[in-house]
């Protein structure tokens, strides 16, 4: 009987996480990446789950600590992205593009992480890739009052490999 690799005690899954750069630039089609990501996020998340389902009253009653930000959307996806090494990029040698199945060109792995990610792509098996969208509109409780704010959207890529 063949042993299931995922249940094999010698099978290890590692994780490397990085952020995505170039979100405030236009993609190769001339579209604003930041706006595309924002629109996509708004189309994916059920409005019932905004702010993790907390109403303002819930946040105050549950005693959220001072400064704890509850974001409008907490969102991640698995297996909707690919990492593509661009051999003919005129700005950077062998940059790694983050490409989404629906949104297309999201940006790039930062140069400081490019060698590590290239090593993973060339020498390991990708188990799965996770895209995490961070930032955006948030609420927090200050002195019993709801305060609203906003930070820039960001993207993280979590690479699970063996």
N, C-alpha and C. Protein backbone atom coordinates (compact mmCIF):
# COMPACT_ATOMS: atom_id res chain seq x y z
N UNK A 1 0.85 -1.18 0.00
CA UNK A 1 0.00 0.00 0.00
C UNK A 1 0.90 1.25 0.00
N UNK A 2 0.58 2.21 -0.90
CA UNK A 2 1.38 3.43 -0.98
C UNK A 2 1.04 4.36 0.18
N UNK A 3 2.10 4.92 0.77
CA UNK A 3 1.93 5.83 1.89
C UNK A 3 1.46 7.20 1.41
N UNK A 4 0.52 7.80 2.09
CA UNK A 4 0.05 9.14 1.75
C UNK A 4 1.13 10.13 2.17
N UNK A 5 1.66 10.89 1.18
CA UNK A 5 2.76 11.82 1.45
C UNK A 5 2.38 12.86 2.50
N UNK A 6 1.14 13.31 2.49
CA UNK A 6 0.74 14.34 3.45
C UNK A 6 0.69 13.81 4.88
N UNK A 7 0.54 12.49 5.03
CA UNK A 7 0.52 11.91 6.36
C UNK A 7 1.88 11.36 6.78
N UNK A 8 2.83 11.37 5.88
CA UNK A 8 4.17 10.87 6.15
C UNK A 8 4.86 11.79 7.17
N UNK A 9 5.42 11.21 8.21
CA UNK A 9 6.06 12.02 9.25
C UNK A 9 7.31 12.72 8.74
N UNK A 10 7.86 12.27 7.60
CA UNK A 10 9.03 12.93 7.03
C UNK A 10 8.66 14.06 6.08
N UNK A 11 7.39 14.27 5.86
CA UNK A 11 6.90 15.31 4.96
C UNK A 11 6.72 16.60 5.77
N UNK A 12 7.41 17.64 5.37
CA UNK A 12 7.33 18.92 6.08
C UNK A 12 6.85 20.00 5.11
N UNK A 13 5.98 20.85 5.59
CA UNK A 13 5.53 22.00 4.82
C UNK A 13 6.12 23.24 5.47
N UNK A 14 6.78 24.04 4.66
CA UNK A 14 7.39 25.28 5.13
C UNK A 14 6.59 26.45 4.61
N UNK A 15 6.80 27.59 5.23
CA UNK A 15 6.06 28.78 4.85
C UNK A 15 7.03 29.94 4.71
N UNK A 16 6.88 30.70 3.64
CA UNK A 16 7.59 31.95 3.48
C UNK A 16 6.56 33.01 3.12
N UNK A 17 6.59 34.12 3.84
CA UNK A 17 5.62 35.19 3.62
C UNK A 17 6.33 36.46 3.19
N UNK A 18 5.70 37.16 2.27
CA UNK A 18 6.24 38.44 1.81
C UNK A 18 5.07 39.33 1.40
N UNK A 19 5.39 40.56 1.11
CA UNK A 19 4.39 41.51 0.65
C UNK A 19 4.54 41.70 -0.86
N UNK A 20 3.61 42.41 -1.46
CA UNK A 20 3.63 42.67 -2.89
C UNK A 20 3.90 44.16 -3.10
N UNK A 21 4.80 44.47 -4.03
CA UNK A 21 5.11 45.86 -4.35
C UNK A 21 4.49 46.22 -5.70
N UNK A 22 4.34 47.53 -5.94
CA UNK A 22 3.83 48.00 -7.21
C UNK A 22 2.32 48.17 -7.25
N UNK A 23 1.68 48.14 -6.08
CA UNK A 23 0.23 48.24 -6.04
C UNK A 23 -0.28 49.60 -6.51
N UNK A 24 0.55 50.63 -6.38
CA UNK A 24 0.13 51.99 -6.76
C UNK A 24 0.59 52.36 -8.16
N UNK A 25 0.95 51.36 -8.95
CA UNK A 25 1.33 51.57 -10.34
C UNK A 25 0.24 50.98 -11.24
N UNK A 26 0.35 51.29 -12.51
CA UNK A 26 -0.58 50.74 -13.48
C UNK A 26 -0.06 49.38 -13.96
N UNK A 27 -0.99 48.49 -14.29
CA UNK A 27 -0.59 47.19 -14.83
C UNK A 27 -0.25 47.33 -16.31
N UNK A 28 0.10 46.23 -16.94
CA UNK A 28 0.51 46.27 -18.35
C UNK A 28 -0.62 46.67 -19.29
N UNK A 29 -1.87 46.60 -18.82
CA UNK A 29 -3.02 47.05 -19.63
C UNK A 29 -3.38 48.51 -19.37
N UNK A 30 -2.57 49.19 -18.54
CA UNK A 30 -2.82 50.60 -18.24
C UNK A 30 -3.86 50.83 -17.18
N UNK A 31 -4.24 49.78 -16.45
CA UNK A 31 -5.25 49.90 -15.40
C UNK A 31 -4.59 50.11 -14.04
N UNK A 32 -5.26 50.85 -13.20
CA UNK A 32 -4.76 51.13 -11.85
C UNK A 32 -4.92 49.89 -10.98
N UNK A 33 -3.78 49.28 -10.58
CA UNK A 33 -3.82 48.05 -9.79
C UNK A 33 -4.57 48.25 -8.48
N UNK A 34 -4.31 49.36 -7.80
CA UNK A 34 -4.92 49.61 -6.50
C UNK A 34 -6.44 49.63 -6.62
N UNK A 35 -6.96 50.29 -7.65
CA UNK A 35 -8.41 50.37 -7.85
C UNK A 35 -8.98 49.00 -8.19
N UNK A 36 -8.26 48.24 -9.00
CA UNK A 36 -8.71 46.89 -9.37
C UNK A 36 -8.81 46.02 -8.12
N UNK A 37 -7.81 46.09 -7.26
CA UNK A 37 -7.81 45.29 -6.03
C UNK A 37 -8.95 45.71 -5.12
N UNK A 38 -9.14 47.00 -4.97
CA UNK A 38 -10.23 47.52 -4.13
C UNK A 38 -11.60 47.06 -4.66
N UNK A 39 -11.79 47.16 -5.96
CA UNK A 39 -13.06 46.73 -6.56
C UNK A 39 -13.27 45.23 -6.37
N UNK A 40 -12.21 44.46 -6.56
CA UNK A 40 -12.29 43.01 -6.41
C UNK A 40 -12.67 42.64 -4.98
N UNK A 41 -12.02 43.27 -4.02
CA UNK A 41 -12.31 43.00 -2.61
C UNK A 41 -13.78 43.29 -2.30
N UNK A 42 -14.26 44.42 -2.76
CA UNK A 42 -15.66 44.78 -2.51
C UNK A 42 -16.64 43.80 -3.15
N UNK A 43 -16.23 43.18 -4.26
CA UNK A 43 -17.12 42.23 -4.93
C UNK A 43 -17.10 40.84 -4.28
N UNK A 44 -16.06 40.55 -3.51
CA UNK A 44 -15.89 39.19 -2.96
C UNK A 44 -16.48 38.98 -1.57
N UNK A 45 -16.52 40.02 -0.80
CA UNK A 45 -16.84 39.86 0.62
C UNK A 45 -18.31 40.18 0.88
N UNK A 46 -18.97 39.28 1.58
CA UNK A 46 -20.36 39.46 1.97
C UNK A 46 -20.46 40.64 2.94
N UNK A 47 -21.31 41.62 2.65
CA UNK A 47 -21.44 42.79 3.53
C UNK A 47 -21.77 42.44 4.99
N UNK A 48 -22.39 41.27 5.23
CA UNK A 48 -22.69 40.86 6.61
C UNK A 48 -21.42 40.67 7.43
N UNK A 49 -20.30 40.44 6.75
CA UNK A 49 -19.05 40.16 7.45
C UNK A 49 -18.12 41.36 7.55
N UNK A 50 -18.63 42.54 7.16
CA UNK A 50 -17.83 43.75 7.34
C UNK A 50 -17.50 43.90 8.82
N UNK A 51 -16.30 44.35 9.09
CA UNK A 51 -15.83 44.56 10.47
C UNK A 51 -16.02 43.30 11.31
N UNK A 52 -15.74 42.15 10.68
CA UNK A 52 -15.84 40.83 11.33
C UNK A 52 -17.22 40.58 11.93
N UNK A 53 -18.24 41.26 11.39
CA UNK A 53 -19.60 41.06 11.86
C UNK A 53 -19.96 41.90 13.07
N UNK A 54 -19.03 42.73 13.55
CA UNK A 54 -19.30 43.55 14.74
C UNK A 54 -20.01 44.84 14.38
N UNK A 55 -21.05 45.17 15.11
CA UNK A 55 -21.66 46.50 15.01
C UNK A 55 -20.86 47.43 15.93
N UNK A 56 -21.08 48.72 15.79
CA UNK A 56 -20.41 49.67 16.69
C UNK A 56 -20.74 49.36 18.14
N UNK A 57 -22.00 49.04 18.40
CA UNK A 57 -22.43 48.75 19.77
C UNK A 57 -21.71 47.50 20.31
N UNK A 58 -21.56 46.49 19.45
CA UNK A 58 -20.85 45.27 19.86
C UNK A 58 -19.40 45.58 20.23
N UNK A 59 -18.76 46.42 19.42
CA UNK A 59 -17.36 46.74 19.69
C UNK A 59 -17.20 47.42 21.04
N UNK A 60 -18.08 48.33 21.32
CA UNK A 60 -18.01 49.05 22.61
C UNK A 60 -18.34 48.10 23.76
N UNK A 61 -19.42 47.31 23.60
CA UNK A 61 -19.85 46.40 24.66
C UNK A 61 -18.84 45.29 24.93
N UNK A 62 -18.17 44.81 23.88
CA UNK A 62 -17.22 43.71 24.04
C UNK A 62 -15.87 44.17 24.60
N UNK A 63 -15.73 45.46 24.81
CA UNK A 63 -14.53 45.97 25.46
C UNK A 63 -13.27 45.86 24.63
N UNK A 64 -13.37 46.15 23.33
CA UNK A 64 -12.17 46.17 22.51
C UNK A 64 -11.17 47.12 23.14
N UNK A 65 -9.92 46.69 23.17
CA UNK A 65 -8.93 47.53 23.84
C UNK A 65 -8.58 48.73 22.98
N UNK A 66 -8.10 49.76 23.64
CA UNK A 66 -7.77 51.03 23.00
C UNK A 66 -6.82 50.81 21.83
N UNK A 67 -7.23 51.28 20.67
CA UNK A 67 -6.36 51.22 19.50
C UNK A 67 -6.48 49.95 18.68
N UNK A 68 -7.22 48.94 19.13
CA UNK A 68 -7.37 47.71 18.34
C UNK A 68 -8.21 48.02 17.12
N UNK A 69 -7.63 47.82 15.95
CA UNK A 69 -8.33 48.12 14.71
C UNK A 69 -9.07 46.89 14.21
N UNK A 70 -10.35 47.10 13.91
CA UNK A 70 -11.15 46.06 13.27
C UNK A 70 -11.39 46.55 11.84
N UNK A 71 -10.81 45.81 10.89
CA UNK A 71 -10.89 46.25 9.50
C UNK A 71 -12.22 45.88 8.86
N UNK A 72 -12.63 46.70 7.90
CA UNK A 72 -13.89 46.47 7.19
C UNK A 72 -13.88 45.06 6.57
N UNK A 73 -12.75 44.69 5.99
CA UNK A 73 -12.64 43.37 5.38
C UNK A 73 -11.39 42.68 5.90
N UNK A 74 -11.55 41.43 6.26
CA UNK A 74 -10.43 40.56 6.58
C UNK A 74 -10.52 39.45 5.55
N UNK A 75 -9.57 39.41 4.61
CA UNK A 75 -9.78 38.57 3.45
C UNK A 75 -8.51 37.88 3.00
N UNK A 76 -8.63 36.60 2.70
CA UNK A 76 -7.53 35.86 2.07
C UNK A 76 -8.11 34.79 1.16
N UNK A 77 -7.31 34.38 0.19
CA UNK A 77 -7.71 33.36 -0.77
C UNK A 77 -6.57 32.36 -0.92
N UNK A 78 -6.93 31.14 -1.23
CA UNK A 78 -5.94 30.11 -1.48
C UNK A 78 -6.03 29.67 -2.94
N UNK A 79 -4.89 29.51 -3.55
CA UNK A 79 -4.76 28.95 -4.90
C UNK A 79 -5.42 29.78 -6.00
N UNK A 80 -5.44 31.09 -5.85
CA UNK A 80 -5.97 31.95 -6.91
C UNK A 80 -4.85 32.74 -7.58
N UNK A 81 -3.61 32.54 -7.13
CA UNK A 81 -2.49 33.29 -7.70
C UNK A 81 -1.41 32.35 -8.22
N UNK A 82 -0.59 32.92 -9.10
CA UNK A 82 0.61 32.25 -9.61
C UNK A 82 1.76 33.23 -9.46
N UNK A 83 2.96 32.70 -9.30
CA UNK A 83 4.17 33.50 -9.28
C UNK A 83 4.90 33.24 -10.59
N UNK A 84 5.12 34.30 -11.35
CA UNK A 84 5.70 34.17 -12.69
C UNK A 84 7.01 34.95 -12.76
N UNK A 85 8.10 34.26 -13.08
CA UNK A 85 9.39 34.93 -13.27
C UNK A 85 9.39 35.56 -14.66
N UNK A 86 9.61 36.88 -14.71
CA UNK A 86 9.64 37.59 -15.99
C UNK A 86 11.08 37.68 -16.47
N UNK A 87 11.39 37.02 -17.54
CA UNK A 87 12.77 36.99 -18.06
C UNK A 87 13.12 38.25 -18.85
N UNK A 88 12.12 38.97 -19.35
CA UNK A 88 12.39 40.09 -20.25
C UNK A 88 11.92 41.44 -19.69
N UNK A 89 11.99 41.63 -18.38
CA UNK A 89 11.55 42.88 -17.77
C UNK A 89 12.67 43.92 -17.91
N UNK A 90 12.34 45.10 -18.41
CA UNK A 90 13.37 46.12 -18.66
C UNK A 90 13.77 46.90 -17.40
N UNK A 91 13.00 46.76 -16.32
CA UNK A 91 13.29 47.52 -15.11
C UNK A 91 14.06 46.73 -14.06
N UNK A 92 13.92 45.41 -14.07
CA UNK A 92 14.51 44.58 -13.02
C UNK A 92 14.90 43.24 -13.63
N UNK A 93 15.98 42.66 -13.15
CA UNK A 93 16.42 41.36 -13.66
C UNK A 93 15.60 40.25 -12.99
N UNK A 94 14.86 39.53 -13.81
CA UNK A 94 14.06 38.39 -13.36
C UNK A 94 13.11 38.68 -12.19
N UNK A 95 12.31 39.73 -12.31
CA UNK A 95 11.34 39.98 -11.23
C UNK A 95 10.28 38.88 -11.21
N UNK A 96 9.61 38.75 -10.07
CA UNK A 96 8.58 37.73 -9.92
C UNK A 96 7.23 38.43 -9.81
N UNK A 97 6.42 38.23 -10.85
CA UNK A 97 5.09 38.84 -10.90
C UNK A 97 4.11 38.00 -10.10
N UNK A 98 3.22 38.67 -9.40
CA UNK A 98 2.12 38.01 -8.71
C UNK A 98 0.91 38.17 -9.62
N UNK A 99 0.43 37.04 -10.10
CA UNK A 99 -0.64 37.02 -11.10
C UNK A 99 -1.87 36.32 -10.52
N UNK A 100 -3.00 37.00 -10.56
CA UNK A 100 -4.26 36.49 -10.01
C UNK A 100 -5.14 35.95 -11.13
N UNK A 101 -5.84 34.85 -10.87
CA UNK A 101 -6.70 34.22 -11.88
C UNK A 101 -7.77 35.17 -12.43
N UNK A 102 -8.30 36.05 -11.60
CA UNK A 102 -9.37 36.97 -12.03
C UNK A 102 -8.85 38.38 -12.30
N UNK A 103 -8.09 38.91 -11.37
CA UNK A 103 -7.66 40.30 -11.43
C UNK A 103 -6.46 40.49 -12.37
N UNK A 104 -5.73 39.45 -12.62
CA UNK A 104 -4.53 39.40 -13.47
C UNK A 104 -3.32 39.93 -12.72
N UNK A 105 -2.67 40.97 -13.23
CA UNK A 105 -1.39 41.48 -12.72
C UNK A 105 -1.59 42.29 -11.43
N UNK A 106 -1.12 41.72 -10.30
CA UNK A 106 -1.28 42.41 -9.01
C UNK A 106 -0.06 43.23 -8.61
N UNK A 107 1.10 42.85 -9.08
CA UNK A 107 2.34 43.52 -8.67
C UNK A 107 3.46 42.50 -8.65
N UNK A 108 4.47 42.79 -7.81
CA UNK A 108 5.68 41.97 -7.81
C UNK A 108 6.14 41.62 -6.40
N UNK A 109 6.86 40.51 -6.31
CA UNK A 109 7.58 40.18 -5.08
C UNK A 109 8.69 41.21 -4.93
N UNK A 110 8.92 41.78 -3.74
CA UNK A 110 9.98 42.79 -3.61
C UNK A 110 11.37 42.20 -3.90
N UNK A 111 12.24 43.04 -4.43
CA UNK A 111 13.60 42.61 -4.79
C UNK A 111 14.33 41.94 -3.64
N UNK A 112 14.12 42.41 -2.41
CA UNK A 112 14.85 41.82 -1.28
C UNK A 112 14.44 40.38 -1.00
N UNK A 113 13.29 39.95 -1.51
CA UNK A 113 12.82 38.57 -1.31
C UNK A 113 12.89 37.73 -2.59
N UNK A 114 13.32 38.35 -3.67
CA UNK A 114 13.32 37.68 -4.98
C UNK A 114 14.20 36.42 -5.00
N UNK A 115 15.39 36.48 -4.43
CA UNK A 115 16.28 35.31 -4.44
C UNK A 115 15.69 34.15 -3.66
N UNK A 116 15.11 34.43 -2.51
CA UNK A 116 14.49 33.38 -1.69
C UNK A 116 13.32 32.74 -2.44
N UNK A 117 12.47 33.57 -3.03
CA UNK A 117 11.31 33.04 -3.74
C UNK A 117 11.75 32.27 -4.98
N UNK A 118 12.76 32.76 -5.69
CA UNK A 118 13.29 32.01 -6.84
C UNK A 118 13.81 30.65 -6.41
N UNK A 119 14.50 30.60 -5.27
CA UNK A 119 15.00 29.34 -4.75
C UNK A 119 13.84 28.37 -4.47
N UNK A 120 12.79 28.87 -3.87
CA UNK A 120 11.62 28.04 -3.59
C UNK A 120 11.01 27.52 -4.89
N UNK A 121 10.84 28.41 -5.88
CA UNK A 121 10.23 28.01 -7.15
C UNK A 121 11.06 26.98 -7.90
N UNK A 122 12.37 27.10 -7.81
CA UNK A 122 13.25 26.20 -8.56
C UNK A 122 13.54 24.88 -7.85
N UNK A 123 13.52 24.87 -6.52
CA UNK A 123 14.02 23.70 -5.79
C UNK A 123 13.01 22.99 -4.89
N UNK A 124 11.80 23.49 -4.83
CA UNK A 124 10.80 22.90 -3.95
C UNK A 124 9.48 22.72 -4.69
N UNK A 125 8.58 22.03 -4.05
CA UNK A 125 7.23 21.85 -4.58
C UNK A 125 6.30 22.82 -3.85
N UNK A 126 5.57 23.62 -4.62
CA UNK A 126 4.60 24.52 -4.01
C UNK A 126 3.39 23.69 -3.59
N UNK A 127 3.05 23.74 -2.31
CA UNK A 127 1.86 23.05 -1.81
C UNK A 127 0.64 23.92 -2.11
N UNK A 128 0.71 25.18 -1.73
CA UNK A 128 -0.30 26.15 -2.13
C UNK A 128 0.20 27.56 -1.87
N UNK A 129 -0.46 28.52 -2.53
CA UNK A 129 -0.16 29.94 -2.37
C UNK A 129 -1.39 30.61 -1.78
N UNK A 130 -1.17 31.48 -0.81
CA UNK A 130 -2.27 32.22 -0.20
C UNK A 130 -2.06 33.71 -0.47
N UNK A 131 -3.12 34.37 -0.89
CA UNK A 131 -3.12 35.81 -1.08
C UNK A 131 -3.91 36.42 0.07
N UNK A 132 -3.32 37.37 0.75
CA UNK A 132 -3.98 38.04 1.86
C UNK A 132 -4.06 39.53 1.56
N UNK A 133 -5.26 40.09 1.65
CA UNK A 133 -5.45 41.52 1.45
C UNK A 133 -5.52 42.17 2.82
N UNK A 134 -4.69 43.18 3.03
CA UNK A 134 -4.60 43.85 4.33
C UNK A 134 -4.97 45.33 4.20
N UNK A 135 -5.24 45.95 5.34
CA UNK A 135 -5.51 47.38 5.37
C UNK A 135 -6.93 47.72 4.96
N UNK A 136 -7.12 48.99 4.63
CA UNK A 136 -8.45 49.47 4.24
C UNK A 136 -9.10 50.25 5.36
N UNK A 137 -10.41 50.37 5.29
CA UNK A 137 -11.17 51.10 6.31
C UNK A 137 -11.19 50.30 7.60
N UNK A 138 -11.11 51.00 8.71
CA UNK A 138 -11.16 50.33 10.01
C UNK A 138 -11.92 51.16 11.02
N UNK A 139 -12.27 50.50 12.12
CA UNK A 139 -12.87 51.16 13.28
C UNK A 139 -12.09 50.71 14.50
N UNK A 140 -12.03 51.58 15.48
CA UNK A 140 -11.51 51.18 16.79
C UNK A 140 -12.25 51.94 17.87
N UNK A 141 -12.05 51.52 19.10
CA UNK A 141 -12.73 52.15 20.23
C UNK A 141 -11.72 52.98 20.99
N UNK A 142 -12.03 54.25 21.18
CA UNK A 142 -11.19 55.13 21.98
C UNK A 142 -12.08 55.81 23.01
N UNK A 143 -11.81 55.51 24.27
CA UNK A 143 -12.58 56.09 25.38
C UNK A 143 -14.08 55.87 25.22
N UNK A 144 -14.45 54.66 24.79
CA UNK A 144 -15.86 54.30 24.66
C UNK A 144 -16.55 54.84 23.44
N UNK A 145 -15.78 55.41 22.50
CA UNK A 145 -16.35 56.00 21.29
C UNK A 145 -15.72 55.32 20.07
N UNK A 146 -16.53 55.05 19.06
CA UNK A 146 -16.02 54.47 17.81
C UNK A 146 -15.31 55.54 17.00
N UNK A 147 -14.08 55.23 16.60
CA UNK A 147 -13.30 56.12 15.75
C UNK A 147 -13.02 55.38 14.45
N UNK A 148 -13.24 56.06 13.32
CA UNK A 148 -13.04 55.44 12.01
C UNK A 148 -11.76 55.99 11.38
N UNK A 149 -11.13 55.14 10.58
CA UNK A 149 -9.93 55.55 9.87
C UNK A 149 -9.73 54.67 8.65
N UNK A 150 -8.61 54.90 7.97
CA UNK A 150 -8.31 54.09 6.79
C UNK A 150 -6.81 54.05 6.58
N UNK A 151 -6.33 52.87 6.22
CA UNK A 151 -4.93 52.69 5.83
C UNK A 151 -4.93 52.16 4.39
N UNK A 152 -3.81 52.28 3.72
CA UNK A 152 -3.71 51.76 2.35
C UNK A 152 -3.91 50.26 2.33
N UNK A 153 -4.54 49.78 1.26
CA UNK A 153 -4.64 48.34 1.06
C UNK A 153 -3.25 47.79 0.77
N UNK A 154 -3.02 46.59 1.20
CA UNK A 154 -1.78 45.91 0.92
C UNK A 154 -2.05 44.46 0.58
N UNK A 155 -1.07 43.82 -0.02
CA UNK A 155 -1.18 42.41 -0.35
C UNK A 155 0.00 41.66 0.24
N UNK A 156 -0.27 40.51 0.81
CA UNK A 156 0.76 39.60 1.27
C UNK A 156 0.60 38.30 0.51
N UNK A 157 1.72 37.64 0.25
CA UNK A 157 1.71 36.32 -0.37
C UNK A 157 2.36 35.36 0.63
N UNK A 158 1.65 34.30 0.95
CA UNK A 158 2.17 33.25 1.82
C UNK A 158 2.41 32.03 0.95
N UNK A 159 3.66 31.59 0.91
CA UNK A 159 4.05 30.47 0.06
C UNK A 159 4.25 29.26 0.96
N UNK A 160 3.46 28.22 0.73
CA UNK A 160 3.59 26.97 1.48
C UNK A 160 4.24 25.96 0.55
N UNK A 161 5.38 25.41 0.96
CA UNK A 161 6.15 24.55 0.06
C UNK A 161 6.78 23.40 0.83
N UNK A 162 7.16 22.37 0.06
CA UNK A 162 7.81 21.20 0.67
C UNK A 162 8.98 20.77 -0.19
